[in-house]
Amino acid sequence: QVQLVESGGGLAQPGGSLTLSCATSGFPFKSYRMSWYRQAPGKEREMVAMILSAGAPGKPNYAPSVKDRFTISRDNDKNTVHLQMSNLKPEDTAVYFCNVPTLKIWGQGTQVTVSS
């Protein structure tokens, strides 16, 4: 069984930082690209970042709204993907989901709230 468990969400001030983690199991993590999505109240689910499988050529992709502020990374020894979020804005408030695009598997989500 494929399992994705997000953690690290919480409350941050505008301009602050948070790091999300997604612990995975049940599939060969290194061979799959991983993504982070988010969904704010009243809005459509949005892809935030995507990282290629381990060893694959190319660079991560980011939504324009988060580029240069968010960084996606993966720890292939721990089967975990991270999303480092800096210079947070109120518009970043959303539930953030971990995703395995090829497998069409989603985590349960973790809430990020950016407010002063």
N, C-alpha and C. Protein backbone atom coordinates (compact mmCIF):
# COMPACT_ATOMS: atom_id res chain seq x y z
N GLN A 1 0.82 -1.17 0.00
CA GLN A 1 0.00 0.00 0.00
C GLN A 1 0.87 1.25 0.00
N VAL A 2 0.52 2.17 -0.85
CA VAL A 2 1.23 3.43 -0.93
C VAL A 2 0.73 4.36 0.16
N GLN A 3 1.67 4.96 0.88
CA GLN A 3 1.32 5.88 1.95
C GLN A 3 2.09 7.17 1.78
N LEU A 4 1.39 8.28 1.92
CA LEU A 4 1.99 9.61 1.91
C LEU A 4 1.49 10.34 3.14
N VAL A 5 2.41 10.82 3.96
CA VAL A 5 2.04 11.49 5.19
C VAL A 5 2.74 12.84 5.26
N GLU A 6 1.95 13.90 5.12
CA GLU A 6 2.50 15.25 5.19
C GLU A 6 2.60 15.72 6.63
N SER A 7 3.56 16.58 6.88
CA SER A 7 3.72 17.19 8.18
C SER A 7 4.44 18.52 8.03
N GLY A 8 4.46 19.29 9.09
CA GLY A 8 5.20 20.53 9.10
C GLY A 8 4.37 21.79 8.91
N GLY A 9 3.10 21.63 8.65
CA GLY A 9 2.25 22.79 8.50
C GLY A 9 2.02 23.49 9.82
N GLY A 10 1.46 24.67 9.73
CA GLY A 10 1.20 25.45 10.93
C GLY A 10 0.99 26.90 10.59
N LEU A 11 1.18 27.73 11.59
CA LEU A 11 1.00 29.17 11.46
C LEU A 11 2.34 29.86 11.29
N ALA A 12 2.41 30.73 10.31
CA ALA A 12 3.60 31.54 10.09
C ALA A 12 3.20 32.98 9.84
N GLN A 13 4.08 33.88 10.19
CA GLN A 13 3.85 35.29 9.90
C GLN A 13 4.24 35.60 8.47
N PRO A 14 3.64 36.61 7.88
CA PRO A 14 4.11 37.04 6.56
C PRO A 14 5.61 37.31 6.59
N GLY A 15 6.29 36.81 5.59
CA GLY A 15 7.74 36.92 5.55
C GLY A 15 8.47 35.80 6.26
N GLY A 16 7.73 34.97 6.95
CA GLY A 16 8.33 33.87 7.68
C GLY A 16 8.57 32.65 6.81
N SER A 17 8.96 31.57 7.47
CA SER A 17 9.32 30.35 6.77
C SER A 17 8.71 29.13 7.43
N LEU A 18 8.45 28.13 6.63
CA LEU A 18 8.03 26.82 7.09
C LEU A 18 8.61 25.77 6.16
N THR A 19 8.85 24.59 6.68
CA THR A 19 9.28 23.48 5.86
C THR A 19 8.31 22.32 6.03
N LEU A 20 7.75 21.88 4.93
CA LEU A 20 6.85 20.75 4.93
C LEU A 20 7.60 19.48 4.57
N SER A 21 7.14 18.37 5.08
CA SER A 21 7.73 17.08 4.77
C SER A 21 6.64 16.11 4.37
N CYS A 22 7.00 15.19 3.50
CA CYS A 22 6.09 14.14 3.07
C CYS A 22 6.84 12.82 3.17
N ALA A 23 6.49 12.03 4.14
CA ALA A 23 7.08 10.72 4.31
C ALA A 23 6.31 9.71 3.47
N THR A 24 7.03 8.94 2.68
CA THR A 24 6.38 8.00 1.76
C THR A 24 6.79 6.57 2.04
N SER A 25 5.94 5.66 1.60
CA SER A 25 6.24 4.24 1.70
C SER A 25 5.37 3.49 0.70
N GLY A 26 5.76 2.26 0.40
CA GLY A 26 4.95 1.40 -0.43
C GLY A 26 5.22 1.45 -1.92
N PHE A 27 6.24 2.18 -2.33
CA PHE A 27 6.61 2.24 -3.74
C PHE A 27 8.08 2.62 -3.84
N PRO A 28 8.70 2.35 -4.99
CA PRO A 28 10.13 2.68 -5.16
C PRO A 28 10.32 4.18 -5.34
N PHE A 29 10.46 4.85 -4.23
CA PHE A 29 10.47 6.30 -4.18
C PHE A 29 11.45 6.92 -5.16
N LYS A 30 12.64 6.39 -5.24
CA LYS A 30 13.68 6.99 -6.08
C LYS A 30 13.30 7.07 -7.55
N SER A 31 12.44 6.17 -7.98
CA SER A 31 12.10 6.08 -9.40
C SER A 31 10.95 7.00 -9.82
N TYR A 32 10.39 7.75 -8.88
CA TYR A 32 9.21 8.55 -9.16
C TYR A 32 9.44 10.03 -8.91
N ARG A 33 8.89 10.83 -9.81
CA ARG A 33 8.87 12.25 -9.55
C ARG A 33 7.80 12.55 -8.50
N MET A 34 8.01 13.60 -7.75
CA MET A 34 7.12 13.96 -6.66
C MET A 34 6.68 15.41 -6.81
N SER A 35 5.48 15.69 -6.33
CA SER A 35 4.92 17.03 -6.45
C SER A 35 4.29 17.48 -5.14
N TRP A 36 4.23 18.79 -4.98
CA TRP A 36 3.45 19.43 -3.94
C TRP A 36 2.35 20.24 -4.60
N TYR A 37 1.14 20.08 -4.10
CA TYR A 37 0.00 20.88 -4.52
C TYR A 37 -0.55 21.61 -3.31
N ARG A 38 -1.37 22.60 -3.58
CA ARG A 38 -2.07 23.27 -2.50
C ARG A 38 -3.46 23.67 -2.95
N GLN A 39 -4.34 23.80 -2.00
CA GLN A 39 -5.69 24.24 -2.28
C GLN A 39 -6.15 25.20 -1.19
N ALA A 40 -6.42 26.42 -1.60
CA ALA A 40 -6.93 27.43 -0.70
C ALA A 40 -8.45 27.41 -0.73
N PRO A 41 -9.09 27.89 0.32
CA PRO A 41 -10.55 27.92 0.34
C PRO A 41 -11.12 28.66 -0.86
N GLY A 42 -12.05 28.03 -1.55
CA GLY A 42 -12.69 28.65 -2.69
C GLY A 42 -11.87 28.67 -3.96
N LYS A 43 -10.73 28.03 -3.94
CA LYS A 43 -9.87 28.02 -5.12
C LYS A 43 -9.61 26.59 -5.59
N GLU A 44 -9.17 26.50 -6.83
CA GLU A 44 -8.82 25.20 -7.39
C GLU A 44 -7.47 24.73 -6.85
N ARG A 45 -7.29 23.45 -6.86
CA ARG A 45 -6.02 22.87 -6.46
C ARG A 45 -4.94 23.30 -7.44
N GLU A 46 -3.81 23.69 -6.91
CA GLU A 46 -2.74 24.27 -7.70
C GLU A 46 -1.44 23.51 -7.47
N MET A 47 -0.75 23.19 -8.55
CA MET A 47 0.57 22.60 -8.41
C MET A 47 1.55 23.66 -7.96
N VAL A 48 2.28 23.36 -6.93
CA VAL A 48 3.24 24.30 -6.36
C VAL A 48 4.65 24.01 -6.85
N ALA A 49 5.02 22.74 -6.81
CA ALA A 49 6.38 22.36 -7.17
C ALA A 49 6.42 20.89 -7.57
N MET A 50 7.37 20.56 -8.41
CA MET A 50 7.58 19.18 -8.83
C MET A 50 9.07 18.92 -8.96
N ILE A 51 9.49 17.77 -8.46
CA ILE A 51 10.88 17.38 -8.55
C ILE A 51 10.97 16.05 -9.28
N LEU A 52 11.98 15.91 -10.12
CA LEU A 52 12.15 14.71 -10.91
C LEU A 52 12.66 13.55 -10.06
N SER A 53 12.57 12.37 -10.61
CA SER A 53 13.06 11.19 -9.91
C SER A 53 14.56 11.29 -9.69
N ALA A 54 15.04 10.51 -8.75
CA ALA A 54 16.45 10.55 -8.40
C ALA A 54 17.32 10.24 -9.61
N GLY A 55 18.29 11.07 -9.86
CA GLY A 55 19.23 10.86 -10.95
C GLY A 55 18.76 11.33 -12.31
N ALA A 56 17.51 11.73 -12.42
CA ALA A 56 17.00 12.18 -13.71
C ALA A 56 17.53 13.57 -14.03
N PRO A 57 17.82 13.83 -15.29
CA PRO A 57 18.28 15.17 -15.65
C PRO A 57 17.14 16.17 -15.59
N GLY A 58 17.50 17.41 -15.40
CA GLY A 58 16.50 18.44 -15.33
C GLY A 58 16.42 19.07 -13.95
N LYS A 59 15.66 20.13 -13.87
CA LYS A 59 15.52 20.87 -12.63
C LYS A 59 14.08 20.87 -12.17
N PRO A 60 13.84 21.16 -10.90
CA PRO A 60 12.47 21.20 -10.41
C PRO A 60 11.65 22.29 -11.07
N ASN A 61 10.35 22.08 -11.09
CA ASN A 61 9.42 23.07 -11.61
C ASN A 61 8.65 23.71 -10.48
N TYR A 62 8.33 24.99 -10.65
CA TYR A 62 7.60 25.74 -9.64
C TYR A 62 6.50 26.58 -10.27
N ALA A 63 5.43 26.74 -9.54
CA ALA A 63 4.42 27.69 -9.96
C ALA A 63 5.01 29.09 -9.91
N PRO A 64 4.64 29.95 -10.85
CA PRO A 64 5.18 31.32 -10.84
C PRO A 64 4.99 32.04 -9.52
N SER A 65 3.90 31.76 -8.84
CA SER A 65 3.59 32.46 -7.61
C SER A 65 4.53 32.10 -6.46
N VAL A 66 5.24 30.99 -6.58
CA VAL A 66 6.13 30.56 -5.49
C VAL A 66 7.58 30.49 -5.92
N LYS A 67 7.84 30.67 -7.18
CA LYS A 67 9.21 30.59 -7.67
C LYS A 67 10.10 31.58 -6.93
N ASP A 68 11.27 31.14 -6.56
CA ASP A 68 12.28 31.91 -5.83
C ASP A 68 11.95 32.05 -4.35
N ARG A 69 10.81 31.53 -3.93
CA ARG A 69 10.46 31.53 -2.52
C ARG A 69 10.40 30.12 -1.93
N PHE A 70 9.97 29.18 -2.73
CA PHE A 70 9.83 27.79 -2.29
C PHE A 70 10.90 26.93 -2.94
N THR A 71 11.34 25.91 -2.24
CA THR A 71 12.30 24.96 -2.76
C THR A 71 11.85 23.54 -2.45
N ILE A 72 11.72 22.74 -3.49
CA ILE A 72 11.39 21.34 -3.30
C ILE A 72 12.67 20.52 -3.31
N SER A 73 12.74 19.53 -2.45
CA SER A 73 13.90 18.67 -2.39
C SER A 73 13.46 17.27 -1.97
N ARG A 74 14.35 16.32 -2.13
CA ARG A 74 14.02 14.96 -1.73
C ARG A 74 15.20 14.31 -1.06
N ASP A 75 14.89 13.49 -0.08
CA ASP A 75 15.88 12.68 0.62
C ASP A 75 15.60 11.24 0.24
N ASN A 76 16.37 10.73 -0.69
CA ASN A 76 16.10 9.40 -1.23
C ASN A 76 16.46 8.28 -0.25
N ASP A 77 17.27 8.59 0.74
CA ASP A 77 17.58 7.60 1.76
C ASP A 77 16.42 7.43 2.74
N LYS A 78 15.62 8.47 2.88
CA LYS A 78 14.50 8.43 3.80
C LYS A 78 13.15 8.40 3.10
N ASN A 79 13.16 8.33 1.79
CA ASN A 79 11.92 8.29 1.01
C ASN A 79 11.01 9.46 1.36
N THR A 80 11.60 10.62 1.45
CA THR A 80 10.88 11.80 1.91
C THR A 80 11.11 12.97 0.96
N VAL A 81 10.06 13.72 0.70
CA VAL A 81 10.16 14.93 -0.09
C VAL A 81 9.82 16.11 0.81
N HIS A 82 10.52 17.21 0.60
CA HIS A 82 10.34 18.41 1.42
C HIS A 82 9.95 19.60 0.57
N LEU A 83 9.31 20.54 1.20
CA LEU A 83 9.03 21.82 0.57
C LEU A 83 9.42 22.91 1.54
N GLN A 84 10.51 23.59 1.25
CA GLN A 84 10.96 24.71 2.05
C GLN A 84 10.29 25.97 1.53
N MET A 85 9.59 26.65 2.42
CA MET A 85 8.84 27.83 2.05
C MET A 85 9.39 29.03 2.80
N SER A 86 9.77 30.04 2.06
CA SER A 86 10.32 31.25 2.64
C SER A 86 9.55 32.46 2.14
N ASN A 87 9.74 33.57 2.84
CA ASN A 87 9.04 34.80 2.48
C ASN A 87 7.56 34.54 2.26
N LEU A 88 6.96 33.89 3.22
CA LEU A 88 5.56 33.50 3.08
C LEU A 88 4.64 34.70 3.01
N LYS A 89 3.59 34.52 2.24
CA LYS A 89 2.58 35.54 2.06
C LYS A 89 1.22 35.01 2.48
N PRO A 90 0.30 35.89 2.86
CA PRO A 90 -1.04 35.42 3.20
C PRO A 90 -1.67 34.58 2.09
N GLU A 91 -1.35 34.88 0.85
CA GLU A 91 -1.87 34.13 -0.28
C GLU A 91 -1.39 32.69 -0.32
N ASP A 92 -0.37 32.37 0.46
CA ASP A 92 0.12 31.00 0.53
C ASP A 92 -0.71 30.13 1.46
N THR A 93 -1.64 30.74 2.16
CA THR A 93 -2.50 29.98 3.06
C THR A 93 -3.31 28.96 2.27
N ALA A 94 -3.18 27.70 2.64
CA ALA A 94 -3.84 26.63 1.92
C ALA A 94 -3.54 25.31 2.62
N VAL A 95 -4.24 24.29 2.19
CA VAL A 95 -3.87 22.93 2.56
C VAL A 95 -2.89 22.43 1.52
N TYR A 96 -1.76 21.95 1.97
CA TYR A 96 -0.71 21.49 1.07
C TYR A 96 -0.72 19.97 1.02
N PHE A 97 -0.67 19.45 -0.19
CA PHE A 97 -0.76 18.01 -0.43
C PHE A 97 0.49 17.49 -1.12
N CYS A 98 0.92 16.35 -0.70
CA CYS A 98 1.97 15.60 -1.37
C CYS A 98 1.34 14.72 -2.44
N ASN A 99 2.04 14.55 -3.55
CA ASN A 99 1.47 13.81 -4.67
C ASN A 99 2.53 13.02 -5.41
N VAL A 100 2.15 11.82 -5.82
CA VAL A 100 2.96 11.01 -6.72
C VAL A 100 2.26 11.05 -8.07
N PRO A 101 2.71 11.90 -9.00
CA PRO A 101 1.95 12.10 -10.23
C PRO A 101 1.66 10.83 -11.02
N THR A 102 2.66 9.99 -11.21
CA THR A 102 2.47 8.80 -12.02
C THR A 102 1.48 7.83 -11.38
N LEU A 103 1.52 7.73 -10.09
CA LEU A 103 0.64 6.81 -9.37
C LEU A 103 -0.71 7.43 -9.04
N LYS A 104 -0.84 8.72 -9.21
CA LYS A 104 -2.08 9.44 -8.90
C LYS A 104 -2.48 9.23 -7.44
N ILE A 105 -1.50 9.31 -6.57
CA ILE A 105 -1.70 9.13 -5.14
C ILE A 105 -1.48 10.45 -4.42
N TRP A 106 -2.34 10.72 -3.47
CA TRP A 106 -2.30 11.96 -2.70
C TRP A 106 -2.19 11.68 -1.22
N GLY A 107 -1.53 12.59 -0.53
CA GLY A 107 -1.52 12.54 0.92
C GLY A 107 -2.77 13.19 1.47
N GLN A 108 -2.85 13.24 2.78
CA GLN A 108 -4.05 13.78 3.44
C GLN A 108 -4.02 15.30 3.56
N GLY A 109 -2.86 15.89 3.39
CA GLY A 109 -2.72 17.33 3.43
C GLY A 109 -2.30 17.85 4.79
N THR A 110 -1.66 19.00 4.77
CA THR A 110 -1.28 19.70 5.99
C THR A 110 -1.59 21.18 5.82
N GLN A 111 -2.17 21.76 6.84
CA GLN A 111 -2.63 23.15 6.76
C GLN A 111 -1.48 24.12 6.99
N VAL A 112 -1.38 25.08 6.10
CA VAL A 112 -0.44 26.20 6.25
C VAL A 112 -1.25 27.48 6.32
N THR A 113 -1.05 28.23 7.37
CA THR A 113 -1.74 29.50 7.54
C THR A 113 -0.72 30.60 7.72
N VAL A 114 -0.81 31.61 6.88
CA VAL A 114 0.11 32.75 6.94
C VAL A 114 -0.71 33.97 7.34
N SER A 115 -0.45 34.46 8.51
CA SER A 115 -1.23 35.57 9.04
C SER A 115 -0.44 36.29 10.12
N SER A 116 -0.66 37.58 10.22
CA SER A 116 -0.04 38.36 11.27
C SER A 116 -0.95 38.48 12.48
